[in-house]
Amino acid sequence: MALPPEGARRHPGVIVRRQKWTRGNANADMTAYLIRRLLFMIPTLLGIMLVAFVVVQFAPGGPVERVIAQLSGPAASPAAPLRWTR
């Protein structure tokens, strides 16, 4: 049986070479990673703001009407004239 090449690990039926990690410029790699992450935050935040805006706008009554109704009390609701009173 032949031995696997140096730096390789033997798996059943497959020889997988280990990747040699070189230190390279770790500082530049981390800077590039951080810049990439920060740039991906922009469309993510815009998407979250868009979803929140759409949910608030399509909620029944709208945000301004709900605040006015809470400040005015239950008698000032739009359905108040339609209620039956005895």
PDB file of N, CA and C in Angstrom:
ATOM      1  N   MET A   1       0.845  -1.175   0.000  1.00  0.00           N
ATOM      2  CA  MET A   1       0.000   0.000   0.000  1.00  0.00           C
ATOM      3  C   MET A   1       0.892   1.240   0.000  1.00  0.00           C
ATOM      4  N   ALA A   2       0.560   2.186  -0.868  1.00  0.00           N
ATOM      5  CA  ALA A   2       1.357   3.403  -0.969  1.00  0.00           C
ATOM      6  C   ALA A   2       0.938   4.388   0.112  1.00  0.00           C
ATOM      7  N   LEU A   3       1.921   5.086   0.623  1.00  0.00           N
ATOM      8  CA  LEU A   3       1.630   6.092   1.633  1.00  0.00           C
ATOM      9  C   LEU A   3       1.120   7.359   0.966  1.00  0.00           C
ATOM     10  N   PRO A   4       0.211   8.058   1.634  1.00  0.00           N
ATOM     11  CA  PRO A   4      -0.268   9.321   1.055  1.00  0.00           C
ATOM     12  C   PRO A   4       0.858  10.345   1.030  1.00  0.00           C
ATOM     13  N   PRO A   5       0.768  11.303   0.124  1.00  0.00           N
ATOM     14  CA  PRO A   5       1.805  12.338   0.065  1.00  0.00           C
ATOM     15  C   PRO A   5       1.886  13.109   1.376  1.00  0.00           C
ATOM     16  N   GLU A   6       3.043  13.700   1.606  1.00  0.00           N
ATOM     17  CA  GLU A   6       3.228  14.458   2.834  1.00  0.00           C
ATOM     18  C   GLU A   6       2.243  15.633   2.876  1.00  0.00           C
ATOM     19  N   GLY A   7       1.647  15.872   4.014  1.00  0.00           N
ATOM     20  CA  GLY A   7       0.694  16.976   4.160  1.00  0.00           C
ATOM     21  C   GLY A   7      -0.717  16.592   3.769  1.00  0.00           C
ATOM     22  N   ALA A   8      -0.964  15.329   3.467  1.00  0.00           N
ATOM     23  CA  ALA A   8      -2.305  14.899   3.083  1.00  0.00           C
ATOM     24  C   ALA A   8      -2.851  13.957   4.147  1.00  0.00           C
ATOM     25  N   ARG A   9      -4.157  13.947   4.293  1.00  0.00           N
ATOM     26  CA  ARG A   9      -4.803  13.016   5.208  1.00  0.00           C
ATOM     27  C   ARG A   9      -5.587  12.024   4.377  1.00  0.00           C
ATOM     28  N   ARG A  10      -5.612  10.797   4.800  1.00  0.00           N
ATOM     29  CA  ARG A  10      -6.295   9.763   4.033  1.00  0.00           C
ATOM     30  C   ARG A  10      -7.696   9.543   4.587  1.00  0.00           C
ATOM     31  N   HIS A  11      -8.673   9.664   3.745  1.00  0.00           N
ATOM     32  CA  HIS A  11     -10.059   9.353   4.062  1.00  0.00           C
ATOM     33  C   HIS A  11     -10.423   8.114   3.265  1.00  0.00           C
ATOM     34  N   PRO A  12     -11.475   7.436   3.638  1.00  0.00           N
ATOM     35  CA  PRO A  12     -11.833   6.211   2.912  1.00  0.00           C
ATOM     36  C   PRO A  12     -12.012   6.474   1.417  1.00  0.00           C
ATOM     37  N   GLY A  13     -11.064   6.027   0.616  1.00  0.00           N
ATOM     38  CA  GLY A  13     -11.171   6.140  -0.834  1.00  0.00           C
ATOM     39  C   GLY A  13     -10.782   7.490  -1.399  1.00  0.00           C
ATOM     40  N   VAL A  14     -10.435   8.465  -0.548  1.00  0.00           N
ATOM     41  CA  VAL A  14     -10.138   9.819  -1.031  1.00  0.00           C
ATOM     42  C   VAL A  14      -8.888  10.329  -0.337  1.00  0.00           C
ATOM     43  N   ILE A  15      -8.047  10.984  -1.085  1.00  0.00           N
ATOM     44  CA  ILE A  15      -6.902  11.661  -0.497  1.00  0.00           C
ATOM     45  C   ILE A  15      -7.186  13.158  -0.552  1.00  0.00           C
ATOM     46  N   VAL A  16      -7.218  13.771   0.609  1.00  0.00           N
ATOM     47  CA  VAL A  16      -7.525  15.201   0.699  1.00  0.00           C
ATOM     48  C   VAL A  16      -6.258  15.914   1.130  1.00  0.00           C
ATOM     49  N   ARG A  17      -5.863  16.880   0.357  1.00  0.00           N
ATOM     50  CA  ARG A  17      -4.674  17.656   0.721  1.00  0.00           C
ATOM     51  C   ARG A  17      -5.066  18.732   1.724  1.00  0.00           C
ATOM     52  N   ARG A  18      -4.250  18.863   2.730  1.00  0.00           N
ATOM     53  CA  ARG A  18      -4.469  19.946   3.679  1.00  0.00           C
ATOM     54  C   ARG A  18      -4.007  21.249   3.056  1.00  0.00           C
ATOM     55  N   GLN A  19      -4.815  22.261   3.247  1.00  0.00           N
ATOM     56  CA  GLN A  19      -4.435  23.558   2.702  1.00  0.00           C
ATOM     57  C   GLN A  19      -3.401  24.179   3.627  1.00  0.00           C
ATOM     58  N   LYS A  20      -2.329  24.643   3.049  1.00  0.00           N
ATOM     59  CA  LYS A  20      -1.304  25.295   3.847  1.00  0.00           C
ATOM     60  C   LYS A  20      -1.705  26.751   4.022  1.00  0.00           C
ATOM     61  N   TRP A  21      -1.940  27.110   5.264  1.00  0.00           N
ATOM     62  CA  TRP A  21      -2.332  28.486   5.554  1.00  0.00           C
ATOM     63  C   TRP A  21      -1.081  29.323   5.717  1.00  0.00           C
ATOM     64  N   THR A  22      -1.001  30.341   4.932  1.00  0.00           N
ATOM     65  CA  THR A  22       0.123  31.259   5.077  1.00  0.00           C
ATOM     66  C   THR A  22      -0.378  32.486   5.811  1.00  0.00           C
ATOM     67  N   ARG A  23       0.482  33.054   6.569  1.00  0.00           N
ATOM     68  CA  ARG A  23       0.086  34.206   7.358  1.00  0.00           C
ATOM     69  C   ARG A  23      -0.261  35.374   6.452  1.00  0.00           C
ATOM     70  N   GLY A  24       0.473  35.595   5.410  1.00  0.00           N
ATOM     71  CA  GLY A  24       0.173  36.693   4.492  1.00  0.00           C
ATOM     72  C   GLY A  24       0.125  38.011   5.244  1.00  0.00           C
ATOM     73  N   ASN A  25      -0.753  38.871   4.794  1.00  0.00           N
ATOM     74  CA  ASN A  25      -0.928  40.149   5.460  1.00  0.00           C
ATOM     75  C   ASN A  25      -2.253  40.094   6.208  1.00  0.00           C
ATOM     76  N   ALA A  26      -2.227  39.635   7.436  1.00  0.00           N
ATOM     77  CA  ALA A  26      -3.437  39.447   8.230  1.00  0.00           C
ATOM     78  C   ALA A  26      -4.142  40.772   8.478  1.00  0.00           C
ATOM     79  N   ASN A  27      -3.387  41.846   8.594  1.00  0.00           N
ATOM     80  CA  ASN A  27      -3.973  43.160   8.837  1.00  0.00           C
ATOM     81  C   ASN A  27      -4.826  43.598   7.650  1.00  0.00           C
ATOM     82  N   ALA A  28      -4.333  43.412   6.440  1.00  0.00           N
ATOM     83  CA  ALA A  28      -5.078  43.787   5.245  1.00  0.00           C
ATOM     84  C   ALA A  28      -6.298  42.892   5.063  1.00  0.00           C
ATOM     85  N   ASP A  29      -6.152  41.609   5.397  1.00  0.00           N
ATOM     86  CA  ASP A  29      -7.282  40.693   5.294  1.00  0.00           C
ATOM     87  C   ASP A  29      -8.400  41.108   6.240  1.00  0.00           C
ATOM     88  N   MET A  30      -8.059  41.488   7.471  1.00  0.00           N
ATOM     89  CA  MET A  30      -9.070  41.895   8.437  1.00  0.00           C
ATOM     90  C   MET A  30      -9.714  43.206   8.029  1.00  0.00           C
ATOM     91  N   THR A  31      -8.936  44.134   7.485  1.00  0.00           N
ATOM     92  CA  THR A  31      -9.482  45.408   7.024  1.00  0.00           C
ATOM     93  C   THR A  31     -10.462  45.181   5.879  1.00  0.00           C
ATOM     94  N   ALA A  32     -10.102  44.338   4.932  1.00  0.00           N
ATOM     95  CA  ALA A  32     -10.995  44.040   3.815  1.00  0.00           C
ATOM     96  C   ALA A  32     -12.279  43.375   4.310  1.00  0.00           C
ATOM     97  N   TYR A  33     -12.147  42.476   5.286  1.00  0.00           N
ATOM     98  CA  TYR A  33     -13.315  41.805   5.849  1.00  0.00           C
ATOM     99  C   TYR A  33     -14.253  42.808   6.514  1.00  0.00           C
ATOM    100  N   LEU A  34     -13.687  43.715   7.323  1.00  0.00           N
ATOM    101  CA  LEU A  34     -14.511  44.706   8.008  1.00  0.00           C
ATOM    102  C   LEU A  34     -15.203  45.646   7.020  1.00  0.00           C
ATOM    103  N   ILE A  35     -14.485  46.067   5.984  1.00  0.00           N
ATOM    104  CA  ILE A  35     -15.088  46.947   4.978  1.00  0.00           C
ATOM    105  C   ILE A  35     -16.237  46.232   4.275  1.00  0.00           C
ATOM    106  N   ARG A  36     -16.030  44.961   3.938  1.00  0.00           N
ATOM    107  CA  ARG A  36     -17.087  44.178   3.285  1.00  0.00           C
ATOM    108  C   ARG A  36     -18.312  44.062   4.180  1.00  0.00           C
ATOM    109  N   ARG A  37     -18.095  43.791   5.472  1.00  0.00           N
ATOM    110  CA  ARG A  37     -19.215  43.657   6.414  1.00  0.00           C
ATOM    111  C   ARG A  37     -19.958  44.983   6.564  1.00  0.00           C
ATOM    112  N   LEU A  38     -19.222  46.085   6.648  1.00  0.00           N
ATOM    113  CA  LEU A  38     -19.859  47.391   6.781  1.00  0.00           C
ATOM    114  C   LEU A  38     -20.659  47.746   5.531  1.00  0.00           C
ATOM    115  N   LEU A  39     -20.143  47.408   4.365  1.00  0.00           N
ATOM    116  CA  LEU A  39     -20.871  47.706   3.134  1.00  0.00           C
ATOM    117  C   LEU A  39     -22.130  46.849   3.001  1.00  0.00           C
ATOM    118  N   PHE A  40     -22.100  45.633   3.526  1.00  0.00           N
ATOM    119  CA  PHE A  40     -23.298  44.791   3.480  1.00  0.00           C
ATOM    120  C   PHE A  40     -24.351  45.256   4.482  1.00  0.00           C
ATOM    121  N   MET A  41     -23.941  46.045   5.482  1.00  0.00           N
ATOM    122  CA  MET A  41     -24.903  46.553   6.452  1.00  0.00           C
ATOM    123  C   MET A  41     -25.839  47.590   5.830  1.00  0.00           C
ATOM    124  N   ILE A  42     -25.364  48.331   4.849  1.00  0.00           N
ATOM    125  CA  ILE A  42     -26.174  49.400   4.246  1.00  0.00           C
ATOM    126  C   ILE A  42     -27.433  48.843   3.595  1.00  0.00           C
ATOM    127  N   PRO A  43     -27.362  47.893   2.652  1.00  0.00           N
ATOM    128  CA  PRO A  43     -28.612  47.388   2.074  1.00  0.00           C
ATOM    129  C   PRO A  43     -29.466  46.625   3.092  1.00  0.00           C
ATOM    130  N   THR A  44     -28.826  46.010   4.089  1.00  0.00           N
ATOM    131  CA  THR A  44     -29.596  45.299   5.105  1.00  0.00           C
ATOM    132  C   THR A  44     -30.440  46.278   5.916  1.00  0.00           C
ATOM    133  N   LEU A  45     -29.842  47.368   6.362  1.00  0.00           N
ATOM    134  CA  LEU A  45     -30.586  48.366   7.128  1.00  0.00           C
ATOM    135  C   LEU A  45     -31.665  49.028   6.283  1.00  0.00           C
ATOM    136  N   LEU A  46     -31.358  49.307   5.019  1.00  0.00           N
ATOM    137  CA  LEU A  46     -32.382  49.887   4.143  1.00  0.00           C
ATOM    138  C   LEU A  46     -33.558  48.928   3.963  1.00  0.00           C
ATOM    139  N   GLY A  47     -33.280  47.652   3.831  1.00  0.00           N
ATOM    140  CA  GLY A  47     -34.348  46.664   3.700  1.00  0.00           C
ATOM    141  C   GLY A  47     -35.196  46.577   4.960  1.00  0.00           C
ATOM    142  N   ILE A  48     -34.560  46.604   6.124  1.00  0.00           N
ATOM    143  CA  ILE A  48     -35.300  46.556   7.384  1.00  0.00           C
ATOM    144  C   ILE A  48     -36.178  47.795   7.528  1.00  0.00           C
ATOM    145  N   MET A  49     -35.637  48.969   7.180  1.00  0.00           N
ATOM    146  CA  MET A  49     -36.431  50.192   7.270  1.00  0.00           C
ATOM    147  C   MET A  49     -37.608  50.166   6.296  1.00  0.00           C
ATOM    148  N   LEU A  50     -37.399  49.629   5.101  1.00  0.00           N
ATOM    149  CA  LEU A  50     -38.479  49.536   4.123  1.00  0.00           C
ATOM    150  C   LEU A  50     -39.595  48.628   4.618  1.00  0.00           C
ATOM    151  N   VAL A  51     -39.234  47.475   5.162  1.00  0.00           N
ATOM    152  CA  VAL A  51     -40.254  46.552   5.673  1.00  0.00           C
ATOM    153  C   VAL A  51     -41.017  47.188   6.828  1.00  0.00           C
ATOM    154  N   ALA A  52     -40.326  47.838   7.746  1.00  0.00           N
ATOM    155  CA  ALA A  52     -40.995  48.492   8.875  1.00  0.00           C
ATOM    156  C   ALA A  52     -41.925  49.594   8.391  1.00  0.00           C
ATOM    157  N   PHE A  53     -41.495  50.381   7.417  1.00  0.00           N
ATOM    158  CA  PHE A  53     -42.326  51.455   6.876  1.00  0.00           C
ATOM    159  C   PHE A  53     -43.584  50.894   6.227  1.00  0.00           C
ATOM    160  N   VAL A  54     -43.441  49.835   5.429  1.00  0.00           N
ATOM    161  CA  VAL A  54     -44.591  49.252   4.741  1.00  0.00           C
ATOM    162  C   VAL A  54     -45.581  48.678   5.745  1.00  0.00           C
ATOM    163  N   VAL A  55     -45.081  48.013   6.776  1.00  0.00           N
ATOM    164  CA  VAL A  55     -45.978  47.443   7.790  1.00  0.00           C
ATOM    165  C   VAL A  55     -46.760  48.542   8.496  1.00  0.00           C
ATOM    166  N   VAL A  56     -46.090  49.628   8.862  1.00  0.00           N
ATOM    167  CA  VAL A  56     -46.774  50.724   9.557  1.00  0.00           C
ATOM    168  C   VAL A  56     -47.776  51.402   8.633  1.00  0.00           C
ATOM    169  N   GLN A  57     -47.443  51.576   7.372  1.00  0.00           N
ATOM    170  CA  GLN A  57     -48.343  52.269   6.452  1.00  0.00           C
ATOM    171  C   GLN A  57     -49.586  51.446   6.135  1.00  0.00           C
ATOM    172  N   PHE A  58     -49.465  50.130   6.072  1.00  0.00           N
ATOM    173  CA  PHE A  58     -50.605  49.295   5.723  1.00  0.00           C
ATOM    174  C   PHE A  58     -51.404  48.831   6.932  1.00  0.00           C
ATOM    175  N   ALA A  59     -50.987  49.210   8.126  1.00  0.00           N
ATOM    176  CA  ALA A  59     -51.762  48.868   9.320  1.00  0.00           C
ATOM    177  C   ALA A  59     -53.061  49.658   9.284  1.00  0.00           C
ATOM    178  N   PRO A  60     -54.160  49.067   9.752  1.00  0.00           N
ATOM    179  CA  PRO A  60     -55.446  49.767   9.698  1.00  0.00           C
ATOM    180  C   PRO A  60     -55.421  51.054  10.509  1.00  0.00           C
ATOM    181  N   GLY A  61     -55.929  52.101   9.921  1.00  0.00           N
ATOM    182  CA  GLY A  61     -56.033  53.380  10.614  1.00  0.00           C
ATOM    183  C   GLY A  61     -54.844  54.285  10.423  1.00  0.00           C
ATOM    184  N   GLY A  62     -53.703  53.774  10.117  1.00  0.00           N
ATOM    185  CA  GLY A  62     -52.526  54.609   9.931  1.00  0.00           C
ATOM    186  C   GLY A  62     -51.962  55.065  11.257  1.00  0.00           C
ATOM    187  N   PRO A  63     -50.714  55.438  11.269  1.00  0.00           N
ATOM    188  CA  PRO A  63     -50.053  55.790  12.532  1.00  0.00           C
ATOM    189  C   PRO A  63     -50.571  57.084  13.151  1.00  0.00           C
ATOM    190  N   VAL A  64     -50.868  58.091  12.346  1.00  0.00           N
ATOM    191  CA  VAL A  64     -51.317  59.379  12.876  1.00  0.00           C
ATOM    192  C   VAL A  64     -52.711  59.239  13.472  1.00  0.00           C
ATOM    193  N   GLU A  65     -53.615  58.545  12.769  1.00  0.00           N
ATOM    194  CA  GLU A  65     -54.972  58.377  13.265  1.00  0.00           C
ATOM    195  C   GLU A  65     -54.988  57.605  14.582  1.00  0.00           C
ATOM    196  N   ARG A  66     -54.091  56.618  14.716  1.00  0.00           N
ATOM    197  CA  ARG A  66     -54.052  55.851  15.955  1.00  0.00           C
ATOM    198  C   ARG A  66     -53.592  56.710  17.126  1.00  0.00           C
ATOM    199  N   VAL A  67     -52.612  57.567  16.904  1.00  0.00           N
ATOM    200  CA  VAL A  67     -52.137  58.434  17.982  1.00  0.00           C
ATOM    201  C   VAL A  67     -53.233  59.415  18.375  1.00  0.00           C
ATOM    202  N   ILE A  68     -53.926  59.988  17.392  1.00  0.00           N
ATOM    203  CA  ILE A  68     -55.021  60.924  17.686  1.00  0.00           C
ATOM    204  C   ILE A  68     -56.125  60.214  18.464  1.00  0.00           C
ATOM    205  N   ALA A  69     -56.454  58.987  18.080  1.00  0.00           N
ATOM    206  CA  ALA A  69     -57.493  58.234  18.771  1.00  0.00           C
ATOM    207  C   ALA A  69     -57.082  57.926  20.205  1.00  0.00           C
ATOM    208  N   GLN A  70     -55.809  57.612  20.433  1.00  0.00           N
ATOM    209  CA  GLN A  70     -55.363  57.328  21.792  1.00  0.00           C
ATOM    210  C   GLN A  70     -55.406  58.579  22.659  1.00  0.00           C
ATOM    211  N   LEU A  71     -55.068  59.727  22.080  1.00  0.00           N
ATOM    212  CA  LEU A  71     -55.075  60.971  22.851  1.00  0.00           C
ATOM    213  C   LEU A  71     -56.489  61.458  23.110  1.00  0.00           C
ATOM    214  N   SER A  72     -57.403  61.230  22.168  1.00  0.00           N
ATOM    215  CA  SER A  72     -58.765  61.734  22.298  1.00  0.00           C
ATOM    216  C   SER A  72     -59.646  60.840  23.160  1.00  0.00           C
ATOM    217  N   GLY A  73     -59.339  59.609  23.271  1.00  0.00           N
ATOM    218  CA  GLY A  73     -60.162  58.680  24.038  1.00  0.00           C
ATOM    219  C   GLY A  73     -61.053  57.868  23.111  1.00  0.00           C
ATOM    220  N   PRO A  74     -61.779  56.910  23.656  1.00  0.00           N
ATOM    221  CA  PRO A  74     -62.566  56.002  22.820  1.00  0.00           C
ATOM    222  C   PRO A  74     -63.775  56.665  22.163  1.00  0.00           C
ATOM    223  N   ALA A  75     -64.304  57.765  22.690  1.00  0.00           N
ATOM    224  CA  ALA A  75     -65.495  58.393  22.121  1.00  0.00           C
ATOM    225  C   ALA A  75     -65.201  59.077  20.792  1.00  0.00           C
ATOM    226  N   ALA A  76     -63.943  59.374  20.515  1.00  0.00           N
ATOM    227  CA  ALA A  76     -63.608  60.097  19.292  1.00  0.00           C
ATOM    228  C   ALA A  76     -63.231  59.163  18.155  1.00  0.00           C
ATOM    229  N   SER A  77     -63.461  57.864  18.316  1.00  0.00           N
ATOM    230  CA  SER A  77     -63.094  56.946  17.242  1.00  0.00           C
ATOM    231  C   SER A  77     -64.052  57.101  16.067  1.00  0.00           C
ATOM    232  N   PRO A  78     -63.627  56.746  14.840  1.00  0.00           N
ATOM    233  CA  PRO A  78     -64.494  56.907  13.671  1.00  0.00           C
ATOM    234  C   PRO A  78     -65.766  56.070  13.749  1.00  0.00           C
ATOM    235  N   ALA A  79     -65.753  54.997  14.513  1.00  0.00           N
ATOM    236  CA  ALA A  79     -66.935  54.141  14.614  1.00  0.00           C
ATOM    237  C   ALA A  79     -67.889  54.605  15.716  1.00  0.00           C
ATOM    238  N   ALA A  80     -67.552  55.637  16.462  1.00  0.00           N
ATOM    239  CA  ALA A  80     -68.393  56.091  17.579  1.00  0.00           C
ATOM    240  C   ALA A  80     -69.805  56.495  17.134  1.00  0.00           C
ATOM    241  N   PRO A  81     -70.009  57.237  16.047  1.00  0.00           N
ATOM    242  CA  PRO A  81     -71.387  57.603  15.672  1.00  0.00           C
ATOM    243  C   PRO A  81     -72.231  56.392  15.270  1.00  0.00           C
ATOM    244  N   LEU A  82     -71.631  55.281  14.903  1.00  0.00           N
ATOM    245  CA  LEU A  82     -72.364  54.113  14.452  1.00  0.00           C
ATOM    246  C   LEU A  82     -72.796  53.202  15.595  1.00  0.00           C
ATOM    247  N   ARG A  83     -72.297  53.440  16.792  1.00  0.00           N
ATOM    248  CA  ARG A  83     -72.644  52.591  17.931  1.00  0.00           C
ATOM    249  C   ARG A  83     -74.062  52.868  18.378  1.00  0.00           C
ATOM    250  N   TRP A  84     -74.723  51.816  18.828  1.00  0.00           N
ATOM    251  CA  TRP A  84     -76.069  51.944  19.348  1.00  0.00           C
ATOM    252  C   TRP A  84     -75.980  52.380  20.806  1.00  0.00           C
ATOM    253  N   THR A  85     -76.735  53.353  21.158  1.00  0.00           N
ATOM    254  CA  THR A  85     -76.760  53.794  22.555  1.00  0.00           C
ATOM    255  C   THR A  85     -78.165  53.637  23.091  1.00  0.00           C
ATOM    256  N   ARG A  86     -78.304  53.319  24.364  1.00  0.00           N
ATOM    257  CA  ARG A  86     -79.633  53.166  24.972  1.00  0.00           C
ATOM    258  C   ARG A  86     -79.785  54.075  26.125  1.00  0.00           C
TER     259      ARG A  86
END
